Amino acid sequence: MSDDPYPSPALIISECQRGILEPERSVSPGLAAMAAARNVVGRTATLATEFRARGLPVVHCIIEHRADFKGMRPNSYLGAMSLKHRSMTVGSEDVEIPADLGPEQSDIVSSRATGLTAFYGTDLDVMLRLENVATLVLAGVSSNIALPGLALEAVNRGYSVVLAEDCTAGSSPETHEFMVSNMLTLLARITPAVDVISRLPG
């Protein structure tokens, strides 16, 4: 990619929800701790403010399981833990987005009841195309599964992808570094938030 402004960018905030970011609620306390240590919410909030100020889309991709957990299966560790703890259900405190992130009235919220990635069973792709988005700037959690899955699916759909690396976290520093260096770097431009801001149009 060049150093020109990103074409038609949107900020995609992945799974920044209380049931994931708060250690006492999260199925991955390590992820919650790393997100707090890296100030993922604060840094992402600053990035979101810059996008909104330029009239660019801000999208929250969240998990909201049905209250009866229909469509959920224990065929992964995350699915099994959600079923075991009856967590991340629609209307619960678990699914709430931290107040610092919004959502603001202009933001888009894309929720999924099943699956592990943001495009699965959601209107995310349709909404992005209706907003004429060409570049996805990713922030949030986690660099273990959600962000690599989101990046891979975005590339498959023809989007360019940028990872605002200092606005992301994984289950441990070692896991984060491995995934960023060995997978995400193959799918996305890896850059700090300040660089993203300098390349926003408008």
N, C-alpha and C. Protein backbone atom coordinates (compact mmCIF):
# COMPACT_ATOMS: atom_id res chain seq x y z
N MET A 1 0.83 -1.19 0.00
CA MET A 1 0.00 0.00 0.00
C MET A 1 0.87 1.25 0.00
N SER A 2 0.39 2.32 -0.61
CA SER A 2 1.12 3.58 -0.63
C SER A 2 0.82 4.35 0.64
N ASP A 3 1.44 5.54 0.73
CA ASP A 3 1.19 6.41 1.88
C ASP A 3 0.07 7.40 1.61
N ASP A 4 -0.67 7.22 0.52
CA ASP A 4 -1.81 8.07 0.21
C ASP A 4 -2.94 7.79 1.19
N PRO A 5 -3.94 8.69 1.28
CA PRO A 5 -5.10 8.42 2.14
C PRO A 5 -5.77 7.09 1.79
N TYR A 6 -6.26 6.42 2.79
CA TYR A 6 -6.95 5.16 2.57
C TYR A 6 -8.23 5.41 1.78
N PRO A 7 -8.49 4.63 0.75
CA PRO A 7 -9.74 4.84 -0.01
C PRO A 7 -10.96 4.36 0.77
N SER A 8 -11.92 5.25 0.94
CA SER A 8 -13.22 4.95 1.54
C SER A 8 -13.11 4.05 2.78
N PRO A 9 -12.46 4.53 3.84
CA PRO A 9 -12.25 3.68 5.01
C PRO A 9 -13.42 3.67 5.99
N ALA A 10 -13.52 2.57 6.72
CA ALA A 10 -14.42 2.45 7.86
C ALA A 10 -13.64 1.86 9.01
N LEU A 11 -13.96 2.28 10.21
CA LEU A 11 -13.36 1.70 11.42
C LEU A 11 -14.25 0.56 11.89
N ILE A 12 -13.65 -0.63 12.03
CA ILE A 12 -14.38 -1.81 12.49
C ILE A 12 -13.87 -2.16 13.88
N ILE A 13 -14.71 -1.99 14.89
CA ILE A 13 -14.33 -2.27 16.29
C ILE A 13 -14.86 -3.65 16.65
N SER A 14 -13.96 -4.57 16.88
CA SER A 14 -14.32 -5.97 17.08
C SER A 14 -14.49 -6.34 18.55
N GLU A 15 -15.69 -6.75 18.90
CA GLU A 15 -16.00 -7.43 20.17
C GLU A 15 -15.53 -6.68 21.41
N CYS A 16 -15.57 -5.37 21.38
CA CYS A 16 -15.27 -4.59 22.59
C CYS A 16 -16.55 -4.51 23.41
N GLN A 17 -16.71 -5.49 24.28
CA GLN A 17 -17.92 -5.65 25.09
C GLN A 17 -17.53 -6.02 26.51
N ARG A 18 -18.40 -5.70 27.46
CA ARG A 18 -18.07 -5.92 28.87
C ARG A 18 -17.80 -7.38 29.18
N GLY A 19 -18.54 -8.28 28.55
CA GLY A 19 -18.35 -9.71 28.81
C GLY A 19 -17.06 -10.27 28.29
N ILE A 20 -16.33 -9.49 27.53
CA ILE A 20 -15.02 -9.89 27.03
C ILE A 20 -13.90 -9.10 27.67
N LEU A 21 -14.15 -7.82 27.92
CA LEU A 21 -13.10 -6.92 28.41
C LEU A 21 -12.99 -6.87 29.93
N GLU A 22 -14.03 -7.26 30.65
CA GLU A 22 -13.97 -7.23 32.11
C GLU A 22 -13.51 -8.58 32.64
N PRO A 23 -12.40 -8.63 33.39
CA PRO A 23 -11.81 -9.91 33.81
C PRO A 23 -12.77 -10.84 34.53
N GLU A 24 -13.65 -10.29 35.35
CA GLU A 24 -14.56 -11.13 36.12
C GLU A 24 -15.66 -11.74 35.25
N ARG A 25 -15.84 -11.23 34.05
CA ARG A 25 -16.86 -11.76 33.15
C ARG A 25 -16.26 -12.58 32.01
N SER A 26 -15.02 -12.27 31.62
CA SER A 26 -14.44 -12.81 30.40
C SER A 26 -14.08 -14.28 30.52
N VAL A 27 -14.26 -15.03 29.41
CA VAL A 27 -13.78 -16.42 29.37
C VAL A 27 -12.28 -16.44 29.16
N SER A 28 -11.67 -15.29 28.89
CA SER A 28 -10.23 -15.18 28.72
C SER A 28 -9.70 -14.02 29.55
N PRO A 29 -9.44 -14.25 30.84
CA PRO A 29 -8.91 -13.17 31.68
C PRO A 29 -7.62 -12.58 31.14
N GLY A 30 -6.82 -13.42 30.46
CA GLY A 30 -5.58 -12.92 29.87
C GLY A 30 -5.86 -11.87 28.80
N LEU A 31 -6.89 -12.09 28.01
CA LEU A 31 -7.28 -11.12 26.99
C LEU A 31 -7.75 -9.82 27.63
N ALA A 32 -8.58 -9.95 28.65
CA ALA A 32 -9.08 -8.76 29.35
C ALA A 32 -7.92 -7.96 29.94
N ALA A 33 -6.94 -8.67 30.52
CA ALA A 33 -5.79 -8.00 31.13
C ALA A 33 -4.95 -7.29 30.08
N MET A 34 -4.72 -7.95 28.95
CA MET A 34 -3.90 -7.33 27.91
C MET A 34 -4.61 -6.13 27.28
N ALA A 35 -5.92 -6.25 27.09
CA ALA A 35 -6.67 -5.13 26.54
C ALA A 35 -6.60 -3.93 27.47
N ALA A 36 -6.68 -4.18 28.77
CA ALA A 36 -6.57 -3.08 29.73
C ALA A 36 -5.17 -2.49 29.74
N ALA A 37 -4.15 -3.35 29.74
CA ALA A 37 -2.77 -2.88 29.79
C ALA A 37 -2.42 -2.05 28.55
N ARG A 38 -3.00 -2.40 27.42
CA ARG A 38 -2.72 -1.67 26.17
C ARG A 38 -3.68 -0.51 25.94
N ASN A 39 -4.62 -0.32 26.87
CA ASN A 39 -5.61 0.76 26.75
C ASN A 39 -6.34 0.70 25.41
N VAL A 40 -6.79 -0.52 25.07
CA VAL A 40 -7.45 -0.72 23.79
C VAL A 40 -8.70 0.16 23.67
N VAL A 41 -9.49 0.24 24.74
CA VAL A 41 -10.71 1.03 24.68
C VAL A 41 -10.39 2.51 24.48
N GLY A 42 -9.46 3.04 25.26
CA GLY A 42 -9.12 4.45 25.15
C GLY A 42 -8.54 4.82 23.80
N ARG A 43 -7.62 4.00 23.31
CA ARG A 43 -7.00 4.28 22.01
C ARG A 43 -8.02 4.15 20.88
N THR A 44 -8.86 3.14 20.98
CA THR A 44 -9.87 2.95 19.94
C THR A 44 -10.89 4.07 19.97
N ALA A 45 -11.23 4.55 21.16
CA ALA A 45 -12.17 5.68 21.26
C ALA A 45 -11.61 6.92 20.57
N THR A 46 -10.31 7.17 20.74
CA THR A 46 -9.68 8.30 20.06
C THR A 46 -9.75 8.13 18.55
N LEU A 47 -9.49 6.92 18.08
CA LEU A 47 -9.55 6.63 16.66
C LEU A 47 -10.98 6.82 16.13
N ALA A 48 -11.96 6.32 16.89
CA ALA A 48 -13.36 6.46 16.48
C ALA A 48 -13.76 7.93 16.37
N THR A 49 -13.29 8.75 17.29
CA THR A 49 -13.59 10.18 17.26
C THR A 49 -13.08 10.81 15.97
N GLU A 50 -11.89 10.40 15.55
CA GLU A 50 -11.32 10.93 14.30
C GLU A 50 -12.14 10.50 13.09
N PHE A 51 -12.59 9.26 13.07
CA PHE A 51 -13.43 8.79 11.97
C PHE A 51 -14.75 9.56 11.93
N ARG A 52 -15.40 9.70 13.08
CA ARG A 52 -16.69 10.41 13.12
C ARG A 52 -16.53 11.86 12.69
N ALA A 53 -15.45 12.50 13.10
CA ALA A 53 -15.24 13.91 12.77
C ALA A 53 -15.13 14.13 11.27
N ARG A 54 -14.71 13.08 10.56
CA ARG A 54 -14.57 13.17 9.11
C ARG A 54 -15.78 12.58 8.37
N GLY A 55 -16.79 12.20 9.12
CA GLY A 55 -17.98 11.61 8.51
C GLY A 55 -17.76 10.21 7.98
N LEU A 56 -16.78 9.49 8.53
CA LEU A 56 -16.46 8.13 8.08
C LEU A 56 -17.13 7.11 8.98
N PRO A 57 -17.52 5.97 8.44
CA PRO A 57 -18.27 4.98 9.24
C PRO A 57 -17.47 4.40 10.40
N VAL A 58 -18.16 4.25 11.50
CA VAL A 58 -17.65 3.51 12.67
C VAL A 58 -18.60 2.35 12.90
N VAL A 59 -18.07 1.13 12.89
CA VAL A 59 -18.89 -0.07 12.98
C VAL A 59 -18.47 -0.89 14.19
N HIS A 60 -19.44 -1.25 15.03
CA HIS A 60 -19.20 -2.12 16.17
C HIS A 60 -19.66 -3.53 15.82
N CYS A 61 -18.76 -4.47 15.80
CA CYS A 61 -19.11 -5.87 15.56
C CYS A 61 -19.16 -6.58 16.90
N ILE A 62 -20.36 -7.00 17.30
CA ILE A 62 -20.54 -7.55 18.64
C ILE A 62 -21.17 -8.94 18.59
N ILE A 63 -21.03 -9.64 19.71
CA ILE A 63 -21.66 -10.94 19.93
C ILE A 63 -22.92 -10.72 20.75
N GLU A 64 -24.03 -11.28 20.31
CA GLU A 64 -25.29 -11.25 21.06
C GLU A 64 -26.01 -12.58 20.84
N HIS A 65 -25.70 -13.56 21.69
CA HIS A 65 -26.39 -14.84 21.56
C HIS A 65 -27.86 -14.69 21.92
N ARG A 66 -28.68 -15.51 21.28
CA ARG A 66 -30.09 -15.57 21.68
C ARG A 66 -30.19 -15.99 23.14
N ALA A 67 -31.25 -15.55 23.81
CA ALA A 67 -31.44 -15.91 25.21
C ALA A 67 -31.60 -17.42 25.39
N ASP A 68 -32.15 -18.09 24.37
CA ASP A 68 -32.32 -19.54 24.46
C ASP A 68 -31.16 -20.31 23.83
N PHE A 69 -30.15 -19.57 23.36
CA PHE A 69 -28.93 -20.14 22.77
C PHE A 69 -29.19 -21.02 21.55
N LYS A 70 -30.32 -20.82 20.89
CA LYS A 70 -30.54 -21.54 19.65
C LYS A 70 -29.47 -21.14 18.62
N GLY A 71 -29.00 -22.14 17.89
CA GLY A 71 -27.94 -21.90 16.92
C GLY A 71 -26.54 -22.06 17.48
N MET A 72 -26.43 -22.21 18.79
CA MET A 72 -25.12 -22.37 19.42
C MET A 72 -24.82 -23.85 19.63
N ARG A 73 -23.57 -24.23 19.36
CA ARG A 73 -23.12 -25.59 19.58
C ARG A 73 -21.77 -25.57 20.31
N PRO A 74 -21.51 -26.59 21.12
CA PRO A 74 -20.23 -26.65 21.82
C PRO A 74 -19.13 -27.24 20.95
N ASN A 75 -19.04 -26.77 19.70
CA ASN A 75 -18.06 -27.34 18.78
C ASN A 75 -16.77 -26.54 18.71
N SER A 76 -16.58 -25.62 19.65
CA SER A 76 -15.33 -24.90 19.85
C SER A 76 -15.23 -24.56 21.33
N TYR A 77 -14.04 -24.22 21.77
CA TYR A 77 -13.88 -23.84 23.17
C TYR A 77 -14.74 -22.63 23.51
N LEU A 78 -14.76 -21.63 22.62
CA LEU A 78 -15.53 -20.41 22.89
C LEU A 78 -17.02 -20.70 22.93
N GLY A 79 -17.50 -21.53 22.01
CA GLY A 79 -18.90 -21.90 22.02
C GLY A 79 -19.26 -22.68 23.27
N ALA A 80 -18.39 -23.61 23.66
CA ALA A 80 -18.65 -24.42 24.85
C ALA A 80 -18.68 -23.55 26.10
N MET A 81 -17.78 -22.57 26.20
CA MET A 81 -17.75 -21.70 27.37
C MET A 81 -18.97 -20.79 27.42
N SER A 82 -19.42 -20.31 26.27
CA SER A 82 -20.63 -19.48 26.25
C SER A 82 -21.84 -20.28 26.72
N LEU A 83 -21.94 -21.50 26.28
CA LEU A 83 -23.06 -22.35 26.70
C LEU A 83 -22.95 -22.71 28.18
N LYS A 84 -21.76 -23.02 28.63
CA LYS A 84 -21.56 -23.41 30.03
C LYS A 84 -21.91 -22.27 30.98
N HIS A 85 -21.47 -21.07 30.63
CA HIS A 85 -21.67 -19.92 31.53
C HIS A 85 -22.90 -19.10 31.17
N ARG A 86 -23.60 -19.50 30.10
CA ARG A 86 -24.80 -18.77 29.65
C ARG A 86 -24.49 -17.29 29.51
N SER A 87 -23.43 -17.01 28.80
CA SER A 87 -22.92 -15.64 28.70
C SER A 87 -23.18 -15.03 27.32
N MET A 88 -22.96 -13.73 27.25
CA MET A 88 -23.05 -12.95 26.01
C MET A 88 -24.42 -13.04 25.36
N THR A 89 -25.47 -12.98 26.16
CA THR A 89 -26.83 -13.06 25.62
C THR A 89 -27.42 -11.68 25.40
N VAL A 90 -28.29 -11.58 24.41
CA VAL A 90 -28.92 -10.33 24.05
C VAL A 90 -29.60 -9.70 25.27
N GLY A 91 -29.38 -8.42 25.48
CA GLY A 91 -29.99 -7.70 26.59
C GLY A 91 -29.23 -7.77 27.90
N SER A 92 -28.18 -8.59 27.97
CA SER A 92 -27.43 -8.73 29.21
C SER A 92 -26.31 -7.69 29.29
N GLU A 93 -25.75 -7.53 30.50
CA GLU A 93 -24.64 -6.60 30.67
C GLU A 93 -23.41 -7.07 29.90
N ASP A 94 -23.29 -8.37 29.67
CA ASP A 94 -22.13 -8.90 28.95
C ASP A 94 -21.96 -8.26 27.57
N VAL A 95 -23.05 -8.01 26.89
CA VAL A 95 -22.95 -7.55 25.50
C VAL A 95 -22.80 -6.04 25.38
N GLU A 96 -22.86 -5.33 26.49
CA GLU A 96 -22.77 -3.87 26.45
C GLU A 96 -21.42 -3.40 25.94
N ILE A 97 -21.44 -2.36 25.13
CA ILE A 97 -20.23 -1.71 24.62
C ILE A 97 -19.77 -0.67 25.65
N PRO A 98 -18.48 -0.61 25.98
CA PRO A 98 -18.02 0.41 26.92
C PRO A 98 -18.45 1.80 26.49
N ALA A 99 -18.87 2.60 27.45
CA ALA A 99 -19.44 3.92 27.15
C ALA A 99 -18.47 4.80 26.37
N ASP A 100 -17.16 4.64 26.60
CA ASP A 100 -16.17 5.47 25.89
C ASP A 100 -16.20 5.23 24.38
N LEU A 101 -16.71 4.07 23.97
CA LEU A 101 -16.74 3.73 22.55
C LEU A 101 -18.08 4.05 21.89
N GLY A 102 -19.07 4.35 22.69
CA GLY A 102 -20.40 4.63 22.14
C GLY A 102 -21.36 3.49 22.43
N PRO A 103 -22.14 3.08 21.44
CA PRO A 103 -22.12 3.60 20.08
C PRO A 103 -22.82 4.96 19.97
N GLU A 104 -22.26 5.81 19.12
CA GLU A 104 -22.90 7.08 18.82
C GLU A 104 -24.05 6.84 17.84
N GLN A 105 -24.92 7.82 17.72
CA GLN A 105 -26.09 7.67 16.85
C GLN A 105 -25.71 7.37 15.41
N SER A 106 -24.58 7.90 14.97
CA SER A 106 -24.16 7.70 13.58
C SER A 106 -23.47 6.35 13.35
N ASP A 107 -23.14 5.65 14.42
CA ASP A 107 -22.41 4.38 14.29
C ASP A 107 -23.32 3.27 13.78
N ILE A 108 -22.70 2.24 13.24
CA ILE A 108 -23.40 1.03 12.83
C ILE A 108 -23.05 -0.08 13.82
N VAL A 109 -24.06 -0.82 14.26
CA VAL A 109 -23.84 -1.97 15.14
C VAL A 109 -24.25 -3.23 14.38
N SER A 110 -23.30 -4.14 14.22
CA SER A 110 -23.54 -5.41 13.54
C SER A 110 -23.37 -6.52 14.57
N SER A 111 -24.46 -7.23 14.87
CA SER A 111 -24.39 -8.27 15.90
C SER A 111 -24.57 -9.64 15.29
N ARG A 112 -23.98 -10.63 15.94
CA ARG A 112 -24.15 -12.01 15.49
C ARG A 112 -24.53 -12.87 16.68
N ALA A 113 -25.38 -13.86 16.39
CA ALA A 113 -25.85 -14.77 17.44
C ALA A 113 -25.05 -16.06 17.45
N THR A 114 -24.42 -16.40 16.33
CA THR A 114 -23.68 -17.65 16.22
C THR A 114 -22.37 -17.41 15.47
N GLY A 115 -21.52 -18.43 15.50
CA GLY A 115 -20.26 -18.34 14.76
C GLY A 115 -19.20 -17.56 15.48
N LEU A 116 -18.01 -17.49 14.86
CA LEU A 116 -16.85 -16.91 15.51
C LEU A 116 -16.33 -15.64 14.84
N THR A 117 -16.89 -15.27 13.70
CA THR A 117 -16.34 -14.14 12.97
C THR A 117 -17.43 -13.17 12.55
N ALA A 118 -17.03 -11.94 12.30
CA ALA A 118 -17.98 -10.83 12.17
C ALA A 118 -18.84 -10.88 10.93
N PHE A 119 -18.38 -11.49 9.85
CA PHE A 119 -19.18 -11.56 8.64
C PHE A 119 -20.20 -12.70 8.68
N TYR A 120 -20.01 -13.66 9.57
CA TYR A 120 -20.83 -14.86 9.56
C TYR A 120 -22.26 -14.57 10.04
N GLY A 121 -23.24 -14.76 9.16
CA GLY A 121 -24.64 -14.62 9.54
C GLY A 121 -25.06 -13.21 9.91
N THR A 122 -24.34 -12.19 9.42
CA THR A 122 -24.67 -10.80 9.77
C THR A 122 -24.88 -9.97 8.51
N ASP A 123 -25.28 -8.72 8.72
CA ASP A 123 -25.47 -7.79 7.60
C ASP A 123 -24.24 -6.91 7.39
N LEU A 124 -23.09 -7.29 7.96
CA LEU A 124 -21.90 -6.45 7.91
C LEU A 124 -21.49 -6.13 6.48
N ASP A 125 -21.37 -7.13 5.62
CA ASP A 125 -20.93 -6.90 4.25
C ASP A 125 -21.89 -5.98 3.51
N VAL A 126 -23.19 -6.22 3.67
CA VAL A 126 -24.18 -5.39 3.00
C VAL A 126 -24.08 -3.94 3.45
N MET A 127 -23.97 -3.72 4.75
CA MET A 127 -23.89 -2.35 5.26
C MET A 127 -22.64 -1.63 4.78
N LEU A 128 -21.52 -2.35 4.75
CA LEU A 128 -20.28 -1.73 4.28
C LEU A 128 -20.39 -1.35 2.81
N ARG A 129 -20.98 -2.21 2.01
CA ARG A 129 -21.10 -1.91 0.58
C ARG A 129 -22.08 -0.77 0.34
N LEU A 130 -23.14 -0.70 1.12
CA LEU A 130 -24.08 0.40 0.98
C LEU A 130 -23.46 1.74 1.39
N GLU A 131 -22.43 1.67 2.25
CA GLU A 131 -21.69 2.88 2.64
C GLU A 131 -20.48 3.12 1.73
N ASN A 132 -20.36 2.29 0.67
CA ASN A 132 -19.26 2.44 -0.31
C ASN A 132 -17.88 2.32 0.33
N VAL A 133 -17.76 1.45 1.32
CA VAL A 133 -16.50 1.23 2.02
C VAL A 133 -15.58 0.35 1.18
N ALA A 134 -14.30 0.73 1.12
CA ALA A 134 -13.31 -0.06 0.40
C ALA A 134 -12.19 -0.55 1.31
N THR A 135 -11.95 0.16 2.42
CA THR A 135 -10.85 -0.17 3.34
C THR A 135 -11.40 -0.36 4.74
N LEU A 136 -11.07 -1.48 5.35
CA LEU A 136 -11.47 -1.74 6.73
C LEU A 136 -10.28 -1.52 7.65
N VAL A 137 -10.44 -0.63 8.61
CA VAL A 137 -9.43 -0.42 9.65
C VAL A 137 -9.91 -1.17 10.89
N LEU A 138 -9.15 -2.17 11.29
CA LEU A 138 -9.58 -3.05 12.37
C LEU A 138 -8.99 -2.62 13.70
N ALA A 139 -9.83 -2.67 14.74
CA ALA A 139 -9.42 -2.42 16.12
C ALA A 139 -10.21 -3.36 17.01
N GLY A 140 -9.76 -3.49 18.27
CA GLY A 140 -10.50 -4.32 19.22
C GLY A 140 -9.85 -5.66 19.48
N VAL A 141 -10.66 -6.67 19.74
CA VAL A 141 -10.17 -7.99 20.14
C VAL A 141 -10.89 -9.07 19.34
N SER A 142 -10.29 -10.22 19.27
CA SER A 142 -8.96 -10.55 19.71
C SER A 142 -8.07 -10.90 18.53
N SER A 143 -6.77 -10.73 18.74
CA SER A 143 -5.82 -11.11 17.70
C SER A 143 -5.66 -12.61 17.61
N ASN A 144 -6.28 -13.36 18.52
CA ASN A 144 -6.26 -14.83 18.44
C ASN A 144 -7.15 -15.34 17.31
N ILE A 145 -8.44 -14.92 17.31
CA ILE A 145 -9.42 -15.50 16.39
C ILE A 145 -10.21 -14.42 15.65
N ALA A 146 -10.87 -13.54 16.36
CA ALA A 146 -11.82 -12.62 15.74
C ALA A 146 -11.17 -11.74 14.68
N LEU A 147 -10.03 -11.14 14.99
CA LEU A 147 -9.40 -10.22 14.05
C LEU A 147 -8.79 -10.94 12.85
N PRO A 148 -8.06 -12.05 13.04
CA PRO A 148 -7.60 -12.78 11.85
C PRO A 148 -8.75 -13.28 10.99
N GLY A 149 -9.81 -13.77 11.62
CA GLY A 149 -10.97 -14.24 10.87
C GLY A 149 -11.63 -13.11 10.11
N LEU A 150 -11.77 -11.97 10.75
CA LEU A 150 -12.36 -10.80 10.11
C LEU A 150 -11.51 -10.33 8.93
N ALA A 151 -10.19 -10.29 9.14
CA ALA A 151 -9.30 -9.84 8.07
C ALA A 151 -9.35 -10.79 6.88
N LEU A 152 -9.32 -12.08 7.14
CA LEU A 152 -9.34 -13.06 6.06
C LEU A 152 -10.64 -12.98 5.26
N GLU A 153 -11.75 -12.88 5.95
CA GLU A 153 -13.03 -12.80 5.27
C GLU A 153 -13.17 -11.48 4.51
N ALA A 154 -12.60 -10.41 5.04
CA ALA A 154 -12.65 -9.12 4.35
C ALA A 154 -11.85 -9.17 3.04
N VAL A 155 -10.65 -9.74 3.11
CA VAL A 155 -9.83 -9.86 1.91
C VAL A 155 -10.55 -10.72 0.87
N ASN A 156 -11.17 -11.81 1.30
CA ASN A 156 -11.92 -12.65 0.37
C ASN A 156 -13.04 -11.89 -0.33
N ARG A 157 -13.56 -10.87 0.33
CA ARG A 157 -14.66 -10.08 -0.24
C ARG A 157 -14.18 -8.86 -1.01
N GLY A 158 -12.87 -8.69 -1.13
CA GLY A 158 -12.34 -7.62 -1.95
C GLY A 158 -11.97 -6.34 -1.23
N TYR A 159 -12.11 -6.32 0.10
CA TYR A 159 -11.73 -5.13 0.86
C TYR A 159 -10.22 -5.10 1.08
N SER A 160 -9.66 -3.90 1.21
CA SER A 160 -8.31 -3.73 1.75
C SER A 160 -8.42 -3.63 3.26
N VAL A 161 -7.42 -4.14 3.96
CA VAL A 161 -7.49 -4.22 5.42
C VAL A 161 -6.26 -3.57 6.06
N VAL A 162 -6.52 -2.78 7.09
CA VAL A 162 -5.48 -2.15 7.89
C VAL A 162 -5.71 -2.56 9.35
N LEU A 163 -4.67 -2.96 10.04
CA LEU A 163 -4.78 -3.28 11.46
C LEU A 163 -4.15 -2.16 12.27
N ALA A 164 -4.99 -1.46 13.06
CA ALA A 164 -4.46 -0.45 13.98
C ALA A 164 -3.92 -1.20 15.19
N GLU A 165 -2.67 -1.64 15.09
CA GLU A 165 -2.13 -2.66 15.99
C GLU A 165 -2.17 -2.26 17.46
N ASP A 166 -1.92 -1.01 17.76
CA ASP A 166 -1.91 -0.59 19.17
C ASP A 166 -3.32 -0.40 19.73
N CYS A 167 -4.33 -0.66 18.91
CA CYS A 167 -5.72 -0.66 19.36
C CYS A 167 -6.27 -2.09 19.45
N THR A 168 -5.38 -3.08 19.53
CA THR A 168 -5.79 -4.48 19.56
C THR A 168 -5.09 -5.23 20.67
N ALA A 169 -5.62 -6.41 21.00
CA ALA A 169 -5.01 -7.26 22.03
C ALA A 169 -5.37 -8.71 21.78
N GLY A 170 -4.55 -9.60 22.37
CA GLY A 170 -4.80 -11.03 22.32
C GLY A 170 -4.81 -11.61 23.71
N SER A 171 -4.83 -12.93 23.80
CA SER A 171 -4.93 -13.59 25.10
C SER A 171 -3.64 -13.50 25.91
N SER A 172 -2.54 -13.19 25.23
CA SER A 172 -1.25 -12.98 25.90
C SER A 172 -0.37 -12.17 24.96
N PRO A 173 0.64 -11.49 25.48
CA PRO A 173 1.55 -10.76 24.60
C PRO A 173 2.21 -11.67 23.57
N GLU A 174 2.56 -12.90 23.99
CA GLU A 174 3.23 -13.82 23.07
C GLU A 174 2.30 -14.24 21.93
N THR A 175 1.06 -14.56 22.27
CA THR A 175 0.09 -14.95 21.26
C THR A 175 -0.18 -13.80 20.31
N HIS A 176 -0.35 -12.62 20.86
CA HIS A 176 -0.61 -11.44 20.03
C HIS A 176 0.53 -11.22 19.03
N GLU A 177 1.75 -11.24 19.51
CA GLU A 177 2.89 -11.00 18.64
C GLU A 177 2.99 -12.07 17.56
N PHE A 178 2.74 -13.32 17.94
CA PHE A 178 2.81 -14.40 16.96
C PHE A 178 1.77 -14.22 15.86
N MET A 179 0.53 -13.94 16.25
CA MET A 179 -0.55 -13.82 15.27
C MET A 179 -0.36 -12.60 14.37
N VAL A 180 0.07 -11.49 14.96
CA VAL A 180 0.30 -10.29 14.15
C VAL A 180 1.45 -10.53 13.17
N SER A 181 2.52 -11.14 13.64
CA SER A 181 3.71 -11.31 12.81
C SER A 181 3.59 -12.42 11.78
N ASN A 182 2.78 -13.44 12.08
CA ASN A 182 2.74 -14.61 11.22
C ASN A 182 1.46 -14.79 10.42
N MET A 183 0.38 -14.12 10.81
CA MET A 183 -0.85 -14.24 10.03
C MET A 183 -1.39 -12.90 9.58
N LEU A 184 -1.62 -12.02 10.54
CA LEU A 184 -2.26 -10.75 10.19
C LEU A 184 -1.41 -9.91 9.24
N THR A 185 -0.10 -10.02 9.35
CA THR A 185 0.76 -9.25 8.45
C THR A 185 0.62 -9.70 6.99
N LEU A 186 0.12 -10.93 6.78
CA LEU A 186 -0.11 -11.43 5.43
C LEU A 186 -1.42 -10.93 4.84
N LEU A 187 -2.29 -10.41 5.70
CA LEU A 187 -3.63 -10.01 5.29
C LEU A 187 -3.88 -8.51 5.34
N ALA A 188 -3.10 -7.82 6.15
CA ALA A 188 -3.40 -6.42 6.44
C ALA A 188 -2.13 -5.59 6.55
N ARG A 189 -2.30 -4.30 6.38
CA ARG A 189 -1.22 -3.37 6.68
C ARG A 189 -1.21 -3.17 8.20
N ILE A 190 -0.08 -3.43 8.83
CA ILE A 190 0.04 -3.31 10.28
C ILE A 190 0.63 -1.94 10.60
N THR A 191 -0.10 -1.15 11.39
CA THR A 191 0.32 0.22 11.62
C THR A 191 -0.28 0.74 12.92
N PRO A 192 0.32 1.73 13.56
CA PRO A 192 -0.27 2.32 14.76
C PRO A 192 -1.41 3.27 14.42
N ALA A 193 -2.23 3.55 15.41
CA ALA A 193 -3.40 4.42 15.21
C ALA A 193 -3.01 5.80 14.69
N VAL A 194 -1.90 6.34 15.15
CA VAL A 194 -1.50 7.68 14.71
C VAL A 194 -1.24 7.70 13.21
N ASP A 195 -0.72 6.60 12.68
CA ASP A 195 -0.50 6.51 11.24
C ASP A 195 -1.83 6.41 10.49
N VAL A 196 -2.78 5.65 11.07
CA VAL A 196 -4.11 5.56 10.47
C VAL A 196 -4.73 6.95 10.35
N ILE A 197 -4.66 7.70 11.44
CA ILE A 197 -5.27 9.03 11.45
C ILE A 197 -4.65 9.93 10.38
N SER A 198 -3.34 9.83 10.20
CA SER A 198 -2.67 10.68 9.22
C SER A 198 -3.06 10.35 7.79
N ARG A 199 -3.64 9.18 7.58
CA ARG A 199 -4.03 8.75 6.24
C ARG A 199 -5.53 8.74 6.00
N LEU A 200 -6.28 9.31 6.92
CA LEU A 200 -7.72 9.38 6.71
C LEU A 200 -8.06 10.50 5.74
N PRO A 201 -8.95 10.26 4.80
CA PRO A 201 -9.35 11.32 3.88
C PRO A 201 -10.17 12.38 4.58
N GLY A 202 -10.16 13.56 4.04
CA GLY A 202 -10.99 14.64 4.59
C GLY A 202 -10.32 15.36 5.71
